[in-house]
Amino acid sequence: MELGTFLASDAALVVLSTFGLVATGLAIVRDIPVQRRGGARSAGGEAYVTSAYLPNGGRGS
């Protein structure tokens, strides 16, 4: 099967969509903090924030 024929087929749509969904799921799972049972430790009640949500990647202006 030639690459052009495959990319134009419905199977390519299914494969690429599945790959995208898996990649999105992995990105979401990696971004969620892991809470341990038996009393999660908090740093003074601060909320979990990644640098992706801060301007300039969490660095100063």
PDB file of N, CA and C in Angstrom:
ATOM      1  N   MET A   1       0.856  -1.172   0.000  1.00  0.00           N
ATOM      2  CA  MET A   1       0.000   0.000   0.000  1.00  0.00           C
ATOM      3  C   MET A   1       0.905   1.239   0.000  1.00  0.00           C
ATOM      4  N   GLU A   2       0.644   2.145  -0.886  1.00  0.00           N
ATOM      5  CA  GLU A   2       1.449   3.351  -0.964  1.00  0.00           C
ATOM      6  C   GLU A   2       1.057   4.320   0.142  1.00  0.00           C
ATOM      7  N   LEU A   3       1.991   5.166   0.504  1.00  0.00           N
ATOM      8  CA  LEU A   3       1.758   6.109   1.594  1.00  0.00           C
ATOM      9  C   LEU A   3       0.624   7.077   1.257  1.00  0.00           C
ATOM     10  N   GLY A   4       0.600   7.571   0.049  1.00  0.00           N
ATOM     11  CA  GLY A   4      -0.460   8.503  -0.354  1.00  0.00           C
ATOM     12  C   GLY A   4      -1.833   7.872  -0.287  1.00  0.00           C
ATOM     13  N   THR A   5      -1.939   6.620  -0.687  1.00  0.00           N
ATOM     14  CA  THR A   5      -3.214   5.909  -0.639  1.00  0.00           C
ATOM     15  C   THR A   5      -3.658   5.711   0.804  1.00  0.00           C
ATOM     16  N   PHE A   6      -2.699   5.357   1.664  1.00  0.00           N
ATOM     17  CA  PHE A   6      -3.030   5.158   3.076  1.00  0.00           C
ATOM     18  C   PHE A   6      -3.494   6.466   3.725  1.00  0.00           C
ATOM     19  N   LEU A   7      -2.765   7.564   3.476  1.00  0.00           N
ATOM     20  CA  LEU A   7      -3.112   8.836   4.103  1.00  0.00           C
ATOM     21  C   LEU A   7      -4.472   9.356   3.645  1.00  0.00           C
ATOM     22  N   ALA A   8      -4.921   8.930   2.478  1.00  0.00           N
ATOM     23  CA  ALA A   8      -6.227   9.355   1.980  1.00  0.00           C
ATOM     24  C   ALA A   8      -7.351   8.445   2.462  1.00  0.00           C
ATOM     25  N   SER A   9      -7.019   7.398   3.192  1.00  0.00           N
ATOM     26  CA  SER A   9      -8.028   6.421   3.598  1.00  0.00           C
ATOM     27  C   SER A   9      -8.630   6.772   4.967  1.00  0.00           C
ATOM     28  N   ASP A  10      -9.736   6.117   5.274  1.00  0.00           N
ATOM     29  CA  ASP A  10     -10.376   6.292   6.586  1.00  0.00           C
ATOM     30  C   ASP A  10      -9.524   5.695   7.698  1.00  0.00           C
ATOM     31  N   ALA A  11      -8.739   4.677   7.383  1.00  0.00           N
ATOM     32  CA  ALA A  11      -7.885   4.052   8.398  1.00  0.00           C
ATOM     33  C   ALA A  11      -6.864   5.049   8.923  1.00  0.00           C
ATOM     34  N   ALA A  12      -6.336   5.895   8.050  1.00  0.00           N
ATOM     35  CA  ALA A  12      -5.368   6.903   8.491  1.00  0.00           C
ATOM     36  C   ALA A  12      -6.029   7.879   9.456  1.00  0.00           C
ATOM     37  N   LEU A  13      -7.264   8.250   9.186  1.00  0.00           N
ATOM     38  CA  LEU A  13      -7.993   9.150  10.077  1.00  0.00           C
ATOM     39  C   LEU A  13      -8.157   8.532  11.459  1.00  0.00           C
ATOM     40  N   VAL A  14      -8.490   7.264  11.501  1.00  0.00           N
ATOM     41  CA  VAL A  14      -8.668   6.568  12.778  1.00  0.00           C
ATOM     42  C   VAL A  14      -7.346   6.479  13.524  1.00  0.00           C
ATOM     43  N   VAL A  15      -6.284   6.106  12.830  1.00  0.00           N
ATOM     44  CA  VAL A  15      -4.967   5.948  13.469  1.00  0.00           C
ATOM     45  C   VAL A  15      -4.460   7.283  14.009  1.00  0.00           C
ATOM     46  N   LEU A  16      -4.525   8.336  13.197  1.00  0.00           N
ATOM     47  CA  LEU A  16      -4.013   9.626  13.622  1.00  0.00           C
ATOM     48  C   LEU A  16      -4.874  10.247  14.725  1.00  0.00           C
ATOM     49  N   SER A  17      -6.176  10.041  14.674  1.00  0.00           N
ATOM     50  CA  SER A  17      -7.054  10.545  15.734  1.00  0.00           C
ATOM     51  C   SER A  17      -6.774   9.833  17.055  1.00  0.00           C
ATOM     52  N   THR A  18      -6.577   8.536  16.984  1.00  0.00           N
ATOM     53  CA  THR A  18      -6.267   7.761  18.194  1.00  0.00           C
ATOM     54  C   THR A  18      -4.949   8.218  18.791  1.00  0.00           C
ATOM     55  N   PHE A  19      -3.959   8.436  17.952  1.00  0.00           N
ATOM     56  CA  PHE A  19      -2.658   8.910  18.423  1.00  0.00           C
ATOM     57  C   PHE A  19      -2.810  10.269  19.112  1.00  0.00           C
ATOM     58  N   GLY A  20      -3.593  11.156  18.527  1.00  0.00           N
ATOM     59  CA  GLY A  20      -3.809  12.470  19.127  1.00  0.00           C
ATOM     60  C   GLY A  20      -4.510  12.390  20.465  1.00  0.00           C
ATOM     61  N   LEU A  21      -5.503  11.521  20.586  1.00  0.00           N
ATOM     62  CA  LEU A  21      -6.218  11.364  21.851  1.00  0.00           C
ATOM     63  C   LEU A  21      -5.316  10.787  22.944  1.00  0.00           C
ATOM     64  N   VAL A  22      -4.489   9.826  22.577  1.00  0.00           N
ATOM     65  CA  VAL A  22      -3.558   9.235  23.547  1.00  0.00           C
ATOM     66  C   VAL A  22      -2.548  10.281  24.007  1.00  0.00           C
ATOM     67  N   ALA A  23      -2.006  11.057  23.074  1.00  0.00           N
ATOM     68  CA  ALA A  23      -1.044  12.095  23.435  1.00  0.00           C
ATOM     69  C   ALA A  23      -1.678  13.149  24.344  1.00  0.00           C
ATOM     70  N   THR A  24      -2.916  13.531  24.067  1.00  0.00           N
ATOM     71  CA  THR A  24      -3.613  14.504  24.902  1.00  0.00           C
ATOM     72  C   THR A  24      -3.856  13.931  26.298  1.00  0.00           C
ATOM     73  N   GLY A  25      -4.278  12.678  26.368  1.00  0.00           N
ATOM     74  CA  GLY A  25      -4.499  12.032  27.663  1.00  0.00           C
ATOM     75  C   GLY A  25      -3.235  11.963  28.495  1.00  0.00           C
ATOM     76  N   LEU A  26      -2.118  11.627  27.866  1.00  0.00           N
ATOM     77  CA  LEU A  26      -0.848  11.564  28.589  1.00  0.00           C
ATOM     78  C   LEU A  26      -0.434  12.945  29.094  1.00  0.00           C
ATOM     79  N   ALA A  27      -0.648  13.962  28.297  1.00  0.00           N
ATOM     80  CA  ALA A  27      -0.301  15.318  28.728  1.00  0.00           C
ATOM     81  C   ALA A  27      -1.145  15.742  29.924  1.00  0.00           C
ATOM     82  N   ILE A  28      -2.421  15.390  29.928  1.00  0.00           N
ATOM     83  CA  ILE A  28      -3.301  15.734  31.049  1.00  0.00           C
ATOM     84  C   ILE A  28      -2.883  14.978  32.302  1.00  0.00           C
ATOM     85  N   VAL A  29      -2.594  13.694  32.173  1.00  0.00           N
ATOM     86  CA  VAL A  29      -2.212  12.874  33.326  1.00  0.00           C
ATOM     87  C   VAL A  29      -0.904  13.372  33.932  1.00  0.00           C
ATOM     88  N   ARG A  30       0.041  13.772  33.101  1.00  0.00           N
ATOM     89  CA  ARG A  30       1.324  14.259  33.620  1.00  0.00           C
ATOM     90  C   ARG A  30       1.183  15.594  34.317  1.00  0.00           C
ATOM     91  N   ASP A  31       0.150  16.377  33.997  1.00  0.00           N
ATOM     92  CA  ASP A  31      -0.026  17.701  34.571  1.00  0.00           C
ATOM     93  C   ASP A  31      -0.774  17.666  35.897  1.00  0.00           C
ATOM     94  N   ILE A  32      -1.495  16.584  36.180  1.00  0.00           N
ATOM     95  CA  ILE A  32      -2.263  16.476  37.417  1.00  0.00           C
ATOM     96  C   ILE A  32      -1.326  16.027  38.545  1.00  0.00           C
ATOM     97  N   PRO A  33      -1.286  16.760  39.655  1.00  0.00           N
ATOM     98  CA  PRO A  33      -0.399  16.370  40.757  1.00  0.00           C
ATOM     99  C   PRO A  33      -0.869  15.073  41.412  1.00  0.00           C
ATOM    100  N   VAL A  34       0.075  14.303  41.860  1.00  0.00           N
ATOM    101  CA  VAL A  34      -0.241  13.034  42.520  1.00  0.00           C
ATOM    102  C   VAL A  34      -0.443  13.306  43.998  1.00  0.00           C
ATOM    103  N   GLN A  35      -1.592  12.897  44.521  1.00  0.00           N
ATOM    104  CA  GLN A  35      -1.860  13.060  45.941  1.00  0.00           C
ATOM    105  C   GLN A  35      -1.678  11.715  46.622  1.00  0.00           C
ATOM    106  N   ARG A  36      -0.875  11.712  47.669  1.00  0.00           N
ATOM    107  CA  ARG A  36      -0.610  10.472  48.404  1.00  0.00           C
ATOM    108  C   ARG A  36      -1.658  10.292  49.485  1.00  0.00           C
ATOM    109  N   ARG A  37      -2.011   9.040  49.736  1.00  0.00           N
ATOM    110  CA  ARG A  37      -2.984   8.739  50.791  1.00  0.00           C
ATOM    111  C   ARG A  37      -2.364   8.984  52.157  1.00  0.00           C
ATOM    112  N   GLY A  38      -3.209   9.275  53.121  1.00  0.00           N
ATOM    113  CA  GLY A  38      -2.726   9.436  54.487  1.00  0.00           C
ATOM    114  C   GLY A  38      -2.259  10.845  54.780  1.00  0.00           C
ATOM    115  N   GLY A  39      -2.814  11.823  54.151  1.00  0.00           N
ATOM    116  CA  GLY A  39      -2.447  13.206  54.465  1.00  0.00           C
ATOM    117  C   GLY A  39      -1.489  13.773  53.449  1.00  0.00           C
ATOM    118  N   ALA A  40      -2.031  14.433  52.496  1.00  0.00           N
ATOM    119  CA  ALA A  40      -1.174  15.072  51.489  1.00  0.00           C
ATOM    120  C   ALA A  40      -0.500  16.282  52.121  1.00  0.00           C
ATOM    121  N   ARG A  41       0.781  16.421  51.866  1.00  0.00           N
ATOM    122  CA  ARG A  41       1.518  17.560  52.397  1.00  0.00           C
ATOM    123  C   ARG A  41       1.255  18.782  51.532  1.00  0.00           C
ATOM    124  N   SER A  42       0.993  19.891  52.178  1.00  0.00           N
ATOM    125  CA  SER A  42       0.822  21.128  51.423  1.00  0.00           C
ATOM    126  C   SER A  42       1.853  22.140  51.906  1.00  0.00           C
ATOM    127  N   ALA A  43       2.289  22.948  51.004  1.00  0.00           N
ATOM    128  CA  ALA A  43       3.282  23.965  51.338  1.00  0.00           C
ATOM    129  C   ALA A  43       2.548  25.228  51.780  1.00  0.00           C
ATOM    130  N   GLY A  44       2.094  25.252  53.015  1.00  0.00           N
ATOM    131  CA  GLY A  44       1.418  26.430  53.530  1.00  0.00           C
ATOM    132  C   GLY A  44       0.086  26.716  52.861  1.00  0.00           C
ATOM    133  N   GLY A  45      -0.573  25.693  52.351  1.00  0.00           N
ATOM    134  CA  GLY A  45      -1.868  25.869  51.731  1.00  0.00           C
ATOM    135  C   GLY A  45      -1.805  26.447  50.328  1.00  0.00           C
ATOM    136  N   GLU A  46      -0.635  26.427  49.724  1.00  0.00           N
ATOM    137  CA  GLU A  46      -0.514  26.973  48.372  1.00  0.00           C
ATOM    138  C   GLU A  46      -1.137  26.024  47.369  1.00  0.00           C
ATOM    139  N   ALA A  47      -1.692  26.576  46.340  1.00  0.00           N
ATOM    140  CA  ALA A  47      -2.298  25.774  45.282  1.00  0.00           C
ATOM    141  C   ALA A  47      -1.212  25.259  44.346  1.00  0.00           C
ATOM    142  N   TYR A  48      -1.505  24.139  43.706  1.00  0.00           N
ATOM    143  CA  TYR A  48      -0.587  23.561  42.726  1.00  0.00           C
ATOM    144  C   TYR A  48      -0.648  24.376  41.441  1.00  0.00           C
ATOM    145  N   VAL A  49       0.484  24.895  41.016  1.00  0.00           N
ATOM    146  CA  VAL A  49       0.543  25.678  39.786  1.00  0.00           C
ATOM    147  C   VAL A  49       1.799  25.281  39.030  1.00  0.00           C
ATOM    148  N   THR A  50       1.645  25.007  37.760  1.00  0.00           N
ATOM    149  CA  THR A  50       2.823  24.710  36.940  1.00  0.00           C
ATOM    150  C   THR A  50       3.257  25.971  36.228  1.00  0.00           C
ATOM    151  N   SER A  51       4.475  25.972  35.756  1.00  0.00           N
ATOM    152  CA  SER A  51       4.997  27.141  35.055  1.00  0.00           C
ATOM    153  C   SER A  51       4.252  27.413  33.760  1.00  0.00           C
ATOM    154  N   ALA A  52       3.524  26.422  33.258  1.00  0.00           N
ATOM    155  CA  ALA A  52       2.767  26.608  32.013  1.00  0.00           C
ATOM    156  C   ALA A  52       1.652  27.625  32.205  1.00  0.00           C
ATOM    157  N   TYR A  53       1.207  27.831  33.446  1.00  0.00           N
ATOM    158  CA  TYR A  53       0.114  28.748  33.706  1.00  0.00           C
ATOM    159  C   TYR A  53       0.602  30.126  34.133  1.00  0.00           C
ATOM    160  N   LEU A  54       1.898  30.292  34.265  1.00  0.00           N
ATOM    161  CA  LEU A  54       2.433  31.560  34.702  1.00  0.00           C
ATOM    162  C   LEU A  54       3.014  32.321  33.519  1.00  0.00           C
ATOM    163  N   PRO A  55       2.934  33.646  33.536  1.00  0.00           N
ATOM    164  CA  PRO A  55       3.536  34.403  32.442  1.00  0.00           C
ATOM    165  C   PRO A  55       5.049  34.209  32.431  1.00  0.00           C
ATOM    166  N   ASN A  56       5.634  34.187  31.277  1.00  0.00           N
ATOM    167  CA  ASN A  56       7.073  34.010  31.088  1.00  0.00           C
ATOM    168  C   ASN A  56       7.576  32.698  31.677  1.00  0.00           C
ATOM    169  N   GLY A  57       6.734  31.668  31.718  1.00  0.00           N
ATOM    170  CA  GLY A  57       7.159  30.367  32.216  1.00  0.00           C
ATOM    171  C   GLY A  57       7.501  30.348  33.685  1.00  0.00           C
ATOM    172  N   GLY A  58       6.975  31.283  34.470  1.00  0.00           N
ATOM    173  CA  GLY A  58       7.238  31.297  35.896  1.00  0.00           C
ATOM    174  C   GLY A  58       8.448  32.141  36.275  1.00  0.00           C
ATOM    175  N   ARG A  59       9.112  32.699  35.285  1.00  0.00           N
ATOM    176  CA  ARG A  59      10.272  33.548  35.556  1.00  0.00           C
ATOM    177  C   ARG A  59       9.800  34.980  35.720  1.00  0.00           C
ATOM    178  N   GLY A  60      10.625  35.805  36.301  1.00  0.00           N
ATOM    179  CA  GLY A  60      10.283  37.209  36.488  1.00  0.00           C
ATOM    180  C   GLY A  60      10.136  37.930  35.154  1.00  0.00           C
ATOM    181  N   SER A  61       9.611  39.146  35.191  1.00  0.00           N
ATOM    182  CA  SER A  61       9.381  39.881  33.947  1.00  0.00           C
ATOM    183  C   SER A  61      10.634  40.367  33.374  1.00  0.00           C
TER     184      SER A  61
END
